[in-house]
Amino acid sequence: MALLRNLSQRQRQLFASHRQFACSSQKLSGCSNDEDNMGFSQMVMNFVDDASKQVCQHLIQEEKTPRETPEQKKKRVEGMFKVILPCNHFLEVNFPVCRDNGEVEMIQGYRAQHSQHRSPTKGGMRYNIHVSADEVKALAALMTYKCAMVDVPFGGAKAGIKIDPAQYSAMELEKITRRFTLELTKKGFLGAGIDVPAPDMGTGEREMAWMVDSYKMSFGHGSLDAHAVTTGKPITQGGIHGRISATGRGLFHSVEQFINNTCFMDMIDLQPGFKDKTFIIQGFGNVGLHSARYLHRAGAKCIGVIERDGSIFNPEGIDPKALEEYKLESGGIKGFPGADAATDDLLVAECDILVPCANEKQITSRNAPNIKAKIIAEGANGPTTTAAHRILLERKRLVIPDLYANAGGVTVSYFEWLKNLNHVSFGRLTFKYEHDSNVHLFNSVQTALENNFPGKKLPVYPTAEYQKRMAGASEKDIVHSGLAYTMERSAKQIIEAASKYDLGLDLRQAAYICSLEKIYRVYRDAGIMYAT
């Protein structure tokens, strides 16, 4: 933390003199809506293209290779980026399912594997009526850069089934999930060392357990690592403590890294720390709920929540725990007694932190000029369009990008995958030993004191805080500390890239630059350009 807060004088000078951004050649108020209406895949590619141009130029200038002319080096580096950017594999399947009423319905599903620079590929599986090939490819690419950003050794992938899960019974969803699992496995799109799905919008622990069971009963029969074919499973099926809250907890840590950074807070004219900060959440699902809870615990105040069934607002604060309990009972947030129904658009309401945790392309050139939040932490994938991104930069808003802010889920999924491959829970082998070692330590200190003061009893007691750690780290402790360390280290890398490339507040481009540099080195060191 201290390292992030105390930047060098050179870094402060670079940030202080950061360049102003404009919407193409137009003024802020005259931005075209074309970029808002483009496909999600193209939107992600636009962000990647901006970063890849800078990275490519930097590598051409700085990479030193023997017996290679400048022209050869230029062609090699540019050629490598031609390998990095496209989606490697894409699968579309159609299969029938018999509904509970006897009707037969055709189901459409997709799986995209963007990059195998690291194996296996990794990405969520969403059930949503608006799922499309374009969206799945874009999310798979985003997963590639997200995994690289937080140093998780996976390639990017994504899956989607074009259904509204609310319109199907549990038995129907199980049929769909199990059949989709078989289709993925038949085509080589599922396996502990091949491709590992996780929960996403419309799916959860239940669907992941169904997938594992289907795999074990078919192609994975006899496989020792069958449980590692998905993550986000129930604990009884090989899941890991802390996975459900991981994305929200990771988002909290991402905000923590920058809200405590004096340099960045000076740039957006905000006091460091969570105290007296207000925030609004869009989407009170798994990510939004846990983001709100951790921000609330840190001292920030939730004043608004936006959901599908309505929006609520209370300037005195909304208790996330109470709202969670109300939503579980009623099925929505409408009518929550701890807040009033909001009549205005809360995305542009007065607050310090805005946390979009719903669908992509929620912040566009139409509402970006009116957003009052100083910090936008992207809990959703792709909530900000390219046009809106430039507007927010020009207005000196700090956007914490999705490929970093919501990487907590894949980070803890990595821990779960390791647990499944190792076939042992974290901490189990050392738990008792650490407890006994701590007891012996206190006994040793007490004996040494009493030897120096004969005849006196000088008991030594641990503090309440130390008492909690006497028995060593539990699995949840290890997961939480590993996630916090990952987010802190990644924030440091983003800050260094922003300083190195003189990007000012543009954390998105800095994050993409970090990811592309790492992926480039993997391909380069593997000699991919010379493979047959």
Protein backbone atom coordinates (compact mmCIF):
# COMPACT_ATOMS: atom_id res chain seq x y z
CA MET A 1 0.00 0.00 0.00
CA ALA A 2 2.77 2.42 0.93
CA LEU A 3 4.44 1.80 -2.42
CA LEU A 4 1.26 2.75 -4.27
CA ARG A 5 0.70 5.88 -2.23
CA ASN A 6 4.23 7.22 -2.48
CA LEU A 7 5.03 7.54 -6.17
CA SER A 8 8.34 8.91 -7.36
CA GLN A 9 8.71 12.58 -8.22
CA ARG A 10 9.06 11.62 -11.90
CA GLN A 11 5.75 9.72 -11.80
CA ARG A 12 3.98 12.64 -10.15
CA GLN A 13 5.29 15.01 -12.81
CA LEU A 14 4.06 12.71 -15.57
CA PHE A 15 0.64 12.35 -14.01
CA ALA A 16 0.35 16.08 -13.34
CA SER A 17 1.04 16.83 -16.98
CA HIS A 18 -1.23 14.14 -18.41
CA ARG A 19 -2.65 14.83 -21.82
CA GLN A 20 -6.18 15.91 -22.53
CA PHE A 21 -8.38 13.54 -24.48
CA ALA A 22 -10.89 14.49 -27.16
CA CYS A 23 -13.66 12.66 -28.97
CA SER A 24 -11.94 12.11 -32.33
CA SER A 25 -11.74 15.57 -33.89
CA GLN A 26 -15.00 16.69 -32.33
CA LYS A 27 -15.82 18.57 -29.15
CA LEU A 28 -17.14 16.80 -26.06
CA SER A 29 -20.73 17.71 -26.77
CA GLY A 30 -20.50 16.65 -30.40
CA CYS A 31 -19.41 13.00 -30.06
CA SER A 32 -20.92 10.64 -32.61
CA ASN A 33 -23.09 7.78 -31.38
CA ASP A 34 -21.53 5.35 -33.89
CA GLU A 35 -19.17 3.95 -31.28
CA ASP A 36 -22.08 3.40 -28.88
CA ASN A 37 -23.92 1.30 -31.47
CA MET A 38 -21.01 -0.87 -32.61
CA GLY A 39 -20.85 -4.54 -31.65
CA PHE A 40 -19.39 -5.49 -28.30
CA SER A 41 -16.58 -7.43 -29.98
CA GLN A 42 -15.58 -4.38 -32.03
CA MET A 43 -15.70 -2.21 -28.92
CA VAL A 44 -13.22 -4.45 -27.14
CA MET A 45 -11.03 -4.54 -30.24
CA ASN A 46 -10.96 -0.73 -30.33
CA PHE A 47 -9.57 -0.63 -26.80
CA VAL A 48 -7.04 -3.34 -27.69
CA ASP A 49 -5.99 -1.61 -30.92
CA ASP A 50 -5.22 1.64 -29.09
CA ALA A 51 -3.03 -0.19 -26.60
CA SER A 52 -1.38 -2.55 -29.10
CA LYS A 53 -0.15 0.35 -31.24
CA GLN A 54 1.69 1.84 -28.29
CA VAL A 55 3.05 -1.51 -27.08
CA CYS A 56 4.16 -2.51 -30.56
CA GLN A 57 6.05 0.74 -31.10
CA HIS A 58 7.67 0.49 -27.69
CA LEU A 59 8.82 -3.12 -28.26
CA ILE A 60 10.24 -2.29 -31.68
CA GLN A 61 12.31 0.48 -30.13
CA GLU A 62 13.46 -1.29 -26.97
CA GLU A 63 13.76 -5.01 -27.73
CA LYS A 64 17.33 -5.99 -28.36
CA THR A 65 17.81 -9.09 -30.51
CA PRO A 66 21.17 -10.20 -32.00
CA ARG A 67 21.62 -10.48 -35.75
CA GLU A 68 18.24 -8.93 -36.51
CA THR A 69 17.86 -5.82 -38.64
CA PRO A 70 15.42 -3.09 -37.55
CA GLU A 71 13.12 -4.05 -40.41
CA GLN A 72 13.15 -7.72 -39.41
CA LYS A 73 12.42 -6.81 -35.81
CA LYS A 74 9.52 -4.59 -36.89
CA LYS A 75 7.99 -7.39 -38.96
CA ARG A 76 8.47 -9.92 -36.14
CA VAL A 77 6.87 -7.74 -33.45
CA GLU A 78 3.97 -6.67 -35.67
CA GLY A 79 3.49 -10.27 -36.78
CA MET A 80 3.30 -11.41 -33.17
CA PHE A 81 0.40 -9.07 -32.52
CA LYS A 82 -1.41 -10.56 -35.53
CA VAL A 83 -1.20 -13.85 -33.63
CA ILE A 84 -2.37 -12.37 -30.31
CA LEU A 85 -5.50 -10.51 -31.37
CA PRO A 86 -7.87 -12.93 -33.23
CA CYS A 87 -10.15 -15.50 -31.60
CA ASN A 88 -8.52 -18.93 -32.07
CA HIS A 89 -11.56 -21.22 -31.91
CA PHE A 90 -15.30 -20.75 -31.92
CA LEU A 91 -18.03 -23.37 -31.52
CA GLU A 92 -21.76 -22.99 -32.14
CA VAL A 93 -24.08 -25.85 -31.23
CA ASN A 94 -27.82 -26.45 -31.61
CA PHE A 95 -29.57 -29.27 -29.76
CA PRO A 96 -33.12 -30.21 -28.75
CA VAL A 97 -34.53 -30.26 -25.21
CA CYS A 98 -37.88 -31.69 -24.16
CA ARG A 99 -39.71 -29.21 -21.92
CA ASP A 100 -41.76 -30.31 -18.90
CA ASN A 101 -44.97 -29.86 -20.91
CA GLY A 102 -43.75 -32.20 -23.66
CA GLU A 103 -42.83 -29.46 -26.12
CA VAL A 104 -39.50 -29.88 -27.93
CA GLU A 105 -37.37 -26.74 -28.18
CA MET A 106 -34.10 -26.12 -29.99
CA ILE A 107 -31.36 -24.58 -27.84
CA GLN A 108 -28.50 -22.51 -29.25
CA GLY A 109 -25.15 -22.31 -27.45
CA TYR A 110 -21.66 -20.91 -28.06
CA ARG A 111 -18.15 -21.37 -26.73
CA ALA A 112 -15.20 -19.23 -27.80
CA GLN A 113 -11.55 -19.94 -27.02
CA HIS A 114 -9.74 -16.71 -27.72
CA SER A 115 -6.17 -17.69 -26.90
CA GLN A 116 -4.19 -20.80 -25.95
CA HIS A 117 -1.00 -18.92 -25.11
CA ARG A 118 -1.68 -20.36 -21.66
CA SER A 119 -3.58 -23.58 -21.03
CA PRO A 120 -6.28 -24.32 -20.16
CA THR A 121 -8.52 -21.57 -21.46
CA LYS A 122 -10.84 -20.09 -18.84
CA GLY A 123 -14.11 -18.19 -18.92
CA GLY A 124 -17.63 -18.01 -17.58
CA MET A 125 -20.78 -19.57 -18.96
CA ARG A 126 -23.83 -17.31 -19.15
CA TYR A 127 -27.49 -18.04 -19.74
CA ASN A 128 -29.13 -15.00 -21.26
CA ILE A 129 -31.68 -14.44 -24.01
CA HIS A 130 -29.46 -11.75 -25.54
CA VAL A 131 -26.38 -13.96 -25.86
CA SER A 132 -24.81 -13.72 -29.33
CA ALA A 133 -21.70 -14.94 -31.12
CA ASP A 134 -20.32 -11.40 -31.11
CA GLU A 135 -20.76 -11.05 -27.35
CA VAL A 136 -19.19 -14.43 -26.58
CA LYS A 137 -16.14 -13.69 -28.73
CA ALA A 138 -15.71 -10.28 -27.10
CA LEU A 139 -15.97 -11.70 -23.60
CA ALA A 140 -13.48 -14.45 -24.46
CA ALA A 141 -10.98 -11.84 -25.65
CA LEU A 142 -11.58 -9.81 -22.51
CA MET A 143 -10.86 -12.92 -20.43
CA THR A 144 -7.51 -13.35 -22.17
CA TYR A 145 -6.43 -9.84 -21.20
CA LYS A 146 -8.00 -10.11 -17.74
CA CYS A 147 -6.09 -13.30 -16.90
CA ALA A 148 -2.85 -11.78 -18.13
CA MET A 149 -3.49 -8.59 -16.16
CA VAL A 150 -3.65 -10.43 -12.82
CA ASP A 151 -1.00 -13.05 -13.77
CA VAL A 152 -3.39 -16.00 -13.81
CA PRO A 153 -1.95 -18.60 -16.23
CA PHE A 154 -5.07 -19.18 -18.34
CA GLY A 155 -6.05 -18.29 -21.87
CA GLY A 156 -9.38 -16.53 -22.37
CA ALA A 157 -12.66 -18.27 -23.19
CA LYS A 158 -16.42 -17.70 -22.80
CA ALA A 159 -19.66 -19.64 -23.27
CA GLY A 160 -23.25 -18.61 -23.64
CA ILE A 161 -26.63 -20.28 -24.08
CA LYS A 162 -29.39 -18.20 -25.63
CA ILE A 163 -32.17 -18.67 -23.07
CA ASP A 164 -33.86 -16.74 -20.28
CA PRO A 165 -33.23 -19.06 -17.29
CA ALA A 166 -36.20 -17.58 -15.40
CA GLN A 167 -38.51 -19.17 -17.99
CA TYR A 168 -37.23 -22.73 -17.38
CA SER A 169 -37.72 -25.15 -14.50
CA ALA A 170 -34.74 -26.58 -12.58
CA MET A 171 -35.20 -29.91 -14.40
CA GLU A 172 -35.18 -28.20 -17.80
CA LEU A 173 -32.06 -26.20 -16.92
CA GLU A 174 -30.34 -29.37 -15.80
CA LYS A 175 -31.16 -31.06 -19.13
CA ILE A 176 -29.81 -28.08 -21.06
CA THR A 177 -26.64 -27.85 -18.98
CA ARG A 178 -25.84 -31.55 -19.19
CA ARG A 179 -26.42 -31.70 -22.95
CA PHE A 180 -24.28 -28.59 -23.51
CA THR A 181 -21.54 -30.21 -21.42
CA LEU A 182 -21.54 -33.26 -23.69
CA GLU A 183 -21.47 -31.09 -26.82
CA LEU A 184 -18.47 -29.13 -25.49
CA THR A 185 -16.62 -32.30 -24.51
CA LYS A 186 -17.22 -34.02 -27.87
CA LYS A 187 -15.68 -31.06 -29.68
CA GLY A 188 -12.67 -30.76 -27.36
CA PHE A 189 -13.94 -27.65 -25.60
CA LEU A 190 -13.92 -29.02 -22.04
CA GLY A 191 -11.24 -30.55 -19.81
CA ALA A 192 -9.08 -29.74 -16.78
CA GLY A 193 -6.12 -29.01 -19.05
CA ILE A 194 -8.14 -27.83 -22.07
CA ASP A 195 -10.99 -25.47 -21.20
CA VAL A 196 -12.47 -24.72 -17.76
CA PRO A 197 -15.85 -22.90 -17.52
CA ALA A 198 -17.06 -20.94 -14.48
CA PRO A 199 -20.35 -19.27 -13.45
CA ASP A 200 -21.46 -16.09 -15.13
CA MET A 201 -24.74 -14.27 -15.66
CA GLY A 202 -27.66 -16.68 -15.16
CA THR A 203 -25.52 -19.55 -13.84
CA GLY A 204 -24.02 -20.50 -10.49
CA GLU A 205 -22.73 -23.34 -8.31
CA ARG A 206 -25.58 -25.63 -9.35
CA GLU A 207 -24.80 -25.49 -13.07
CA MET A 208 -21.09 -26.03 -12.45
CA ALA A 209 -21.83 -29.13 -10.36
CA TRP A 210 -24.07 -30.49 -13.14
CA MET A 211 -21.28 -29.98 -15.66
CA VAL A 212 -18.74 -31.82 -13.53
CA ASP A 213 -21.13 -34.71 -12.94
CA SER A 214 -21.93 -35.04 -16.66
CA TYR A 215 -18.23 -34.98 -17.50
CA LYS A 216 -17.42 -37.63 -14.87
CA MET A 217 -20.15 -39.92 -16.15
CA SER A 218 -19.04 -39.70 -19.77
CA PHE A 219 -15.69 -38.63 -21.23
CA GLY A 220 -14.10 -38.01 -17.82
CA HIS A 221 -14.85 -41.46 -16.43
CA GLY A 222 -11.80 -42.54 -14.46
CA SER A 223 -10.10 -39.15 -14.67
CA LEU A 224 -8.42 -38.19 -11.42
CA ASP A 225 -8.77 -34.49 -12.24
CA ALA A 226 -12.42 -34.54 -13.32
CA HIS A 227 -13.46 -32.04 -10.65
CA ALA A 228 -11.09 -29.47 -12.16
CA VAL A 229 -13.14 -29.13 -15.38
CA THR A 230 -15.15 -26.26 -13.87
CA THR A 231 -14.71 -23.75 -11.06
CA GLY A 232 -17.27 -21.97 -8.92
CA LYS A 233 -18.63 -25.31 -7.69
CA PRO A 234 -20.29 -26.03 -4.32
CA ILE A 235 -17.82 -26.79 -1.53
CA THR A 236 -19.02 -30.41 -1.43
CA GLN A 237 -18.10 -30.80 -5.11
CA GLY A 238 -14.59 -29.44 -4.86
CA GLY A 239 -15.36 -25.74 -4.61
CA ILE A 240 -13.34 -23.28 -2.56
CA HIS A 241 -14.28 -20.96 0.30
CA GLY A 242 -14.49 -17.36 -0.87
CA ARG A 243 -15.33 -18.02 -4.53
CA ILE A 244 -18.90 -16.68 -4.41
CA SER A 245 -17.84 -13.28 -3.08
CA ALA A 246 -14.56 -13.19 -5.03
CA THR A 247 -15.52 -10.81 -7.84
CA GLY A 248 -17.12 -8.30 -5.46
CA ARG A 249 -14.22 -8.56 -3.03
CA GLY A 250 -11.75 -8.09 -5.87
CA LEU A 251 -13.62 -4.99 -7.02
CA PHE A 252 -13.41 -3.58 -3.50
CA HIS A 253 -9.64 -4.15 -3.46
CA SER A 254 -9.30 -2.46 -6.86
CA VAL A 255 -11.05 0.66 -5.55
CA GLU A 256 -9.01 0.46 -2.37
CA GLN A 257 -5.74 0.59 -4.28
CA PHE A 258 -6.64 3.85 -6.02
CA ILE A 259 -8.82 5.61 -3.47
CA ASN A 260 -5.91 5.46 -1.01
CA ASN A 261 -3.48 6.78 -3.61
CA THR A 262 -2.97 10.48 -2.94
CA CYS A 263 -1.65 11.19 -6.43
CA PHE A 264 -4.72 9.84 -8.23
CA MET A 265 -7.13 11.41 -5.76
CA ASP A 266 -5.45 14.79 -6.32
CA MET A 267 -6.00 14.38 -10.06
CA ILE A 268 -9.76 13.96 -9.62
CA ASP A 269 -10.05 16.39 -6.70
CA LEU A 270 -11.13 13.82 -4.14
CA GLN A 271 -9.88 13.20 -0.60
CA PRO A 272 -8.13 9.82 -0.12
CA GLY A 273 -9.85 7.07 1.85
CA PHE A 274 -13.34 5.57 2.07
CA LYS A 275 -14.55 7.80 4.91
CA ASP A 276 -17.52 9.99 3.93
CA LYS A 277 -17.56 8.57 0.38
CA THR A 278 -20.89 7.68 -1.21
CA PHE A 279 -21.51 5.05 -3.87
CA ILE A 280 -24.26 3.80 -6.18
CA ILE A 281 -24.50 0.21 -7.42
CA GLN A 282 -26.03 -0.78 -10.76
CA GLY A 283 -27.05 -4.42 -10.57
CA PHE A 284 -27.56 -6.09 -7.19
CA GLY A 285 -26.64 -9.60 -8.26
CA ASN A 286 -23.67 -11.57 -6.96
CA VAL A 287 -21.05 -8.97 -7.97
CA GLY A 288 -23.04 -5.89 -6.97
CA LEU A 289 -24.15 -7.36 -3.66
CA HIS A 290 -20.67 -8.27 -2.45
CA SER A 291 -19.12 -5.08 -3.83
CA ALA A 292 -21.66 -3.09 -1.80
CA ARG A 293 -21.02 -5.12 1.35
CA TYR A 294 -17.23 -4.67 1.25
CA LEU A 295 -17.41 -0.98 0.36
CA HIS A 296 -19.92 -0.51 3.20
CA ARG A 297 -17.63 -2.27 5.69
CA ALA A 298 -14.74 -0.03 4.65
CA GLY A 299 -16.72 3.08 5.63
CA ALA A 300 -18.34 4.17 2.35
CA LYS A 301 -22.09 4.78 2.21
CA CYS A 302 -24.42 3.11 -0.31
CA ILE A 303 -27.02 5.72 -1.31
CA GLY A 304 -28.55 4.08 -4.38
CA VAL A 305 -29.15 0.74 -6.08
CA ILE A 306 -30.33 0.17 -9.65
CA GLU A 307 -32.02 -3.15 -10.48
CA ARG A 308 -34.27 -4.61 -13.16
CA ASP A 309 -37.41 -4.15 -11.08
CA GLY A 310 -36.63 -0.53 -10.20
CA SER A 311 -34.18 1.77 -8.45
CA ILE A 312 -34.02 2.83 -4.79
CA PHE A 313 -32.35 5.82 -3.18
CA ASN A 314 -31.59 6.96 0.36
CA PRO A 315 -29.11 9.80 0.97
CA GLU A 316 -28.76 8.59 4.59
CA GLY A 317 -27.49 5.21 3.42
CA ILE A 318 -28.77 1.74 2.49
CA ASP A 319 -27.67 -1.33 4.47
CA PRO A 320 -26.49 -3.90 1.87
CA LYS A 321 -27.11 -6.81 4.23
CA ALA A 322 -30.69 -5.74 4.92
CA LEU A 323 -31.29 -5.23 1.20
CA GLU A 324 -29.87 -8.68 0.44
CA GLU A 325 -32.26 -10.30 2.92
CA TYR A 326 -35.20 -8.33 1.51
CA LYS A 327 -34.33 -9.35 -2.07
CA LEU A 328 -34.09 -13.03 -1.08
CA GLU A 329 -37.57 -12.86 0.46
CA SER A 330 -39.33 -10.73 -2.17
CA GLY A 331 -37.37 -11.56 -5.32
CA GLY A 332 -36.42 -7.93 -6.00
CA ILE A 333 -35.50 -4.63 -4.40
CA LYS A 334 -38.76 -2.82 -5.20
CA GLY A 335 -40.55 -1.76 -2.03
CA PHE A 336 -37.48 -2.05 0.22
CA PRO A 337 -38.46 -0.19 3.42
CA GLY A 338 -34.99 1.23 3.97
CA ALA A 339 -35.10 3.49 0.89
CA ASP A 340 -37.42 5.35 -1.44
CA ALA A 341 -38.17 4.51 -5.06
CA ALA A 342 -35.93 6.60 -7.31
CA THR A 343 -37.57 8.60 -10.06
CA ASP A 344 -34.35 9.95 -11.59
CA ASP A 345 -31.59 8.06 -13.41
CA LEU A 346 -29.20 7.04 -10.64
CA LEU A 347 -26.35 6.50 -13.11
CA VAL A 348 -26.00 10.27 -13.27
CA ALA A 349 -26.89 11.00 -9.64
CA GLU A 350 -24.53 12.79 -7.27
CA CYS A 351 -22.07 10.34 -5.65
CA ASP A 352 -18.35 9.67 -5.31
CA ILE A 353 -18.18 6.09 -6.65
CA LEU A 354 -20.32 4.51 -9.36
CA VAL A 355 -20.18 0.71 -9.64
CA PRO A 356 -21.85 -0.67 -12.82
CA CYS A 357 -22.37 -4.41 -12.26
CA ALA A 358 -25.04 -5.13 -14.88
CA ASN A 359 -24.73 -5.54 -18.66
CA GLU A 360 -22.24 -4.15 -21.15
CA LYS A 361 -22.55 -0.70 -22.78
CA GLN A 362 -24.43 0.98 -19.93
CA ILE A 363 -22.30 4.15 -19.97
CA THR A 364 -22.46 5.76 -23.41
CA SER A 365 -21.82 9.11 -25.04
CA ARG A 366 -25.39 10.05 -24.13
CA ASN A 367 -25.05 9.79 -20.34
CA ALA A 368 -21.24 10.07 -19.83
CA PRO A 369 -21.29 13.91 -19.96
CA ASN A 370 -23.73 13.91 -17.02
CA ILE A 371 -22.10 11.33 -14.75
CA LYS A 372 -21.15 13.02 -11.49
CA ALA A 373 -19.23 10.19 -9.83
CA LYS A 374 -15.50 10.81 -9.65
CA ILE A 375 -14.64 7.08 -9.64
CA ILE A 376 -16.26 4.47 -11.91
CA ALA A 377 -15.35 0.90 -10.89
CA GLU A 378 -16.42 -1.53 -13.62
CA GLY A 379 -17.90 -4.61 -11.98
CA ALA A 380 -19.56 -5.65 -15.24
CA ASN A 381 -17.79 -6.66 -18.44
CA GLY A 382 -17.62 -3.78 -20.92
CA PRO A 383 -20.07 -1.35 -19.27
CA THR A 384 -18.40 1.69 -20.89
CA THR A 385 -18.31 2.34 -24.65
CA THR A 386 -15.23 3.76 -26.35
CA ALA A 387 -16.90 7.14 -26.89
CA ALA A 388 -18.00 7.32 -23.25
CA HIS A 389 -14.53 6.33 -22.10
CA ARG A 390 -12.97 9.32 -23.83
CA ILE A 391 -15.63 11.65 -22.44
CA LEU A 392 -14.99 10.43 -18.90
CA LEU A 393 -11.24 10.92 -19.34
CA GLU A 394 -11.72 14.46 -20.60
CA ARG A 395 -13.94 15.17 -17.58
CA LYS A 396 -11.18 13.80 -15.31
CA ARG A 397 -13.10 10.78 -14.07
CA LEU A 398 -11.10 7.81 -12.80
CA VAL A 399 -12.33 4.67 -14.55
CA ILE A 400 -11.05 1.45 -12.95
CA PRO A 401 -11.36 -0.90 -15.96
CA ASP A 402 -13.21 -4.20 -16.05
CA LEU A 403 -10.21 -6.33 -17.00
CA TYR A 404 -8.71 -5.39 -13.62
CA ALA A 405 -11.65 -4.42 -11.38
CA ASN A 406 -13.67 -7.63 -11.86
CA ALA A 407 -10.72 -10.03 -12.09
CA GLY A 408 -11.31 -11.30 -8.54
CA GLY A 409 -13.54 -14.10 -9.81
CA VAL A 410 -10.99 -15.63 -12.16
CA THR A 411 -8.23 -15.18 -9.57
CA VAL A 412 -10.07 -17.26 -6.99
CA SER A 413 -11.17 -19.69 -9.73
CA TYR A 414 -7.46 -20.27 -10.30
CA PHE A 415 -7.05 -21.11 -6.61
CA GLU A 416 -9.97 -23.55 -6.86
CA TRP A 417 -8.48 -25.18 -9.96
CA LEU A 418 -5.16 -25.64 -8.12
CA LYS A 419 -6.99 -27.12 -5.15
CA ASN A 420 -8.74 -29.65 -7.42
CA LEU A 421 -5.49 -30.65 -9.12
CA ASN A 422 -3.66 -30.98 -5.79
CA HIS A 423 -6.54 -32.93 -4.24
CA VAL A 424 -6.11 -31.23 -0.86
CA SER A 425 -7.60 -28.15 0.79
CA PHE A 426 -5.33 -25.17 1.37
CA GLY A 427 -4.00 -25.16 4.95
CA ARG A 428 -4.98 -28.74 5.79
CA LEU A 429 -1.42 -30.08 5.88
CA THR A 430 -0.06 -27.22 8.03
CA PHE A 431 -3.03 -26.16 10.17
CA LYS A 432 -2.25 -28.27 13.28
CA TYR A 433 1.50 -27.81 13.01
CA GLU A 434 1.20 -24.01 12.98
CA HIS A 435 -1.13 -24.08 15.99
CA ASP A 436 1.26 -26.24 18.01
CA SER A 437 4.23 -24.11 16.97
CA ASN A 438 2.52 -20.97 18.26
CA VAL A 439 1.64 -22.64 21.56
CA HIS A 440 5.27 -23.74 21.98
CA LEU A 441 6.42 -20.20 21.20
CA PHE A 442 4.33 -18.72 24.03
CA ASN A 443 5.42 -21.47 26.42
CA SER A 444 9.04 -20.81 25.53
CA VAL A 445 8.69 -17.07 26.19
CA GLN A 446 6.97 -17.75 29.52
CA THR A 447 9.66 -20.22 30.60
CA ALA A 448 12.45 -17.77 29.67
CA LEU A 449 10.83 -14.96 31.70
CA GLU A 450 10.25 -17.16 34.76
CA ASN A 451 13.86 -18.39 34.63
CA ASN A 452 15.01 -14.77 34.81
CA PHE A 453 12.60 -14.00 37.66
CA PRO A 454 12.72 -17.07 39.96
CA GLY A 455 9.69 -17.67 42.11
CA LYS A 456 7.35 -15.56 40.00
CA LYS A 457 4.58 -16.74 37.73
CA LEU A 458 4.65 -14.69 34.53
CA PRO A 459 1.99 -16.09 32.18
CA VAL A 460 2.14 -14.90 28.58
CA TYR A 461 -1.16 -14.52 26.74
CA PRO A 462 -1.75 -13.81 23.05
CA THR A 463 -3.71 -10.71 22.05
CA ALA A 464 -7.25 -11.19 20.75
CA GLU A 465 -6.02 -10.54 17.19
CA TYR A 466 -3.19 -13.05 17.50
CA GLN A 467 -5.51 -15.60 19.11
CA LYS A 468 -7.50 -15.71 15.89
CA ARG A 469 -4.33 -16.61 13.98
CA MET A 470 -2.95 -19.12 16.46
CA ALA A 471 -4.20 -22.07 14.48
CA GLY A 472 -2.74 -20.84 11.21
CA ALA A 473 -4.49 -19.78 8.03
CA SER A 474 -7.75 -21.40 7.00
CA GLU A 475 -8.64 -21.95 3.35
CA LYS A 476 -10.71 -18.76 3.36
CA ASP A 477 -7.82 -16.81 4.93
CA ILE A 478 -5.45 -18.02 2.23
CA VAL A 479 -7.93 -17.20 -0.54
CA HIS A 480 -8.60 -13.71 0.79
CA SER A 481 -4.93 -12.89 1.29
CA GLY A 482 -4.02 -14.28 -2.13
CA LEU A 483 -6.72 -12.18 -3.78
CA ALA A 484 -5.69 -9.01 -1.91
CA TYR A 485 -2.05 -9.53 -2.90
CA THR A 486 -3.00 -10.15 -6.53
CA MET A 487 -5.06 -6.97 -6.78
CA GLU A 488 -2.37 -4.90 -5.05
CA ARG A 489 0.40 -6.20 -7.30
CA SER A 490 -1.69 -5.68 -10.44
CA ALA A 491 -2.53 -2.11 -9.42
CA LYS A 492 1.17 -1.42 -9.07
CA GLN A 493 1.74 -2.72 -12.62
CA ILE A 494 -1.05 -0.53 -14.00
CA ILE A 495 0.36 2.55 -12.27
CA GLU A 496 3.84 1.83 -13.64
CA ALA A 497 2.46 1.42 -17.18
CA ALA A 498 0.45 4.65 -16.88
CA SER A 499 3.61 6.44 -15.82
CA LYS A 500 5.84 4.81 -18.44
CA TYR A 501 3.49 5.62 -21.33
CA ASP A 502 2.36 9.00 -19.93
CA LEU A 503 -1.30 7.98 -19.85
CA GLY A 504 -2.50 10.06 -16.91
CA LEU A 505 -5.93 8.82 -15.78
CA ASP A 506 -6.31 6.30 -18.61
CA LEU A 507 -6.08 3.15 -16.48
CA ARG A 508 -7.87 1.12 -19.15
CA GLN A 509 -5.14 1.63 -21.72
CA ALA A 510 -2.50 1.06 -19.04
CA ALA A 511 -4.15 -2.26 -18.10
CA TYR A 512 -4.38 -3.41 -21.72
CA ILE A 513 -0.74 -2.45 -22.24
CA CYS A 514 0.28 -4.57 -19.23
CA SER A 515 -1.70 -7.54 -20.54
CA LEU A 516 -0.43 -7.29 -24.11
CA GLU A 517 3.19 -7.05 -23.00
CA LYS A 518 2.84 -10.22 -20.90
CA ILE A 519 1.07 -12.17 -23.66
CA TYR A 520 3.66 -11.02 -26.19
CA ARG A 521 6.50 -12.35 -24.02
CA VAL A 522 4.79 -15.75 -23.69
CA TYR A 523 4.42 -16.09 -27.47
CA ARG A 524 7.92 -14.73 -28.09
CA ASP A 525 9.64 -17.06 -25.62
CA ALA A 526 7.69 -20.05 -26.96
CA GLY A 527 8.99 -19.32 -30.48
CA ILE A 528 5.44 -19.25 -31.81
CA MET A 529 6.46 -17.31 -34.94
CA TYR A 530 8.62 -20.18 -36.11
CA ALA A 531 6.25 -23.05 -35.28
CA THR A 532 5.16 -25.28 -38.14
